[in-house]
Amino acid sequence: MPNVPVRKADGSSAGDVVLSETLFGANVNPGLLHQAVVTERTNARQDTRDTKTRAEVAGGGKKPYRQKGTGRARQGSITAPHYRHGGIVFGPHPRDLSKKMTKKARRAAIAGALSVKAAADEVIVLDALTMDTHSTKTAATLLKTLGVTGRALVVLPDVNLTIYKSFRNIPGVEVRVAPQFSVQDVLEAGRVVIVRDALDKLDAVWGDRRPEAQAEQEQEPQEAA
């Protein structure tokens, strides 16, 4: 299993932690990672394009002129497409652009993304992260102390507005609450900073301590016997 050092906010060591083999030592499937990112980006889209048909434009309650005797083509409504301000034919309308992935595929993708970062030594485990008041300067100093430059993903165990407001003005730094982050969040980050309590939460939801994994581990010795 991957083993990484735990850092304190001042940069000093706080021991080591063994990362979950399921989450940080999984086999990486590049095709699955690509599928996950495409799905996440597609689901973030909002197709708001909409044109009015002849049933939606204003007017059309009265026949423009009589049926016969004018020498002109018969017309029933000024909302017809060939009239000015008439309805649009075959125009765009909102569509459902959402894509789906199975739960197993999503878990494999997020584990693959975290495993890529762990293999590249880009996962930093922070012993604890607390702030009394929001301060971008303090947040930037913390990242510099940890050796984090450029893009980064900070994973918290719980919602903390003070910490969020401290990091939100730093370019390229995203703050997420475990386990609510995406494959794209992980892959786009140069470094992934995970608070230790958030690491335990990830392990309980996706890793070796989730109920399904524990059931599989209990069945393996029986099958071997």
Foldseek 3Di string as FASTA:
>chain_A
DQKDWAAELQGDTDGIDDAFCLQQVADADVVLLVVQVVQVVQQPDWQADDFFAQVGFPWFPAFPDDQDDPPDHGTRGQLPPVHVSHGDDPGDDTDPRHDDDDPVSQLNNNSNLNNVCSVVVQEHEYADDDDPAAALVSVVVSCVSNVHDAAEEEEAQDDDVSPQNNNVPPPRYYYYYPPPDHSCSSNSGSHYYYYPNSSVVCCCVRGCNDPVNVVVVVCVVVVVD
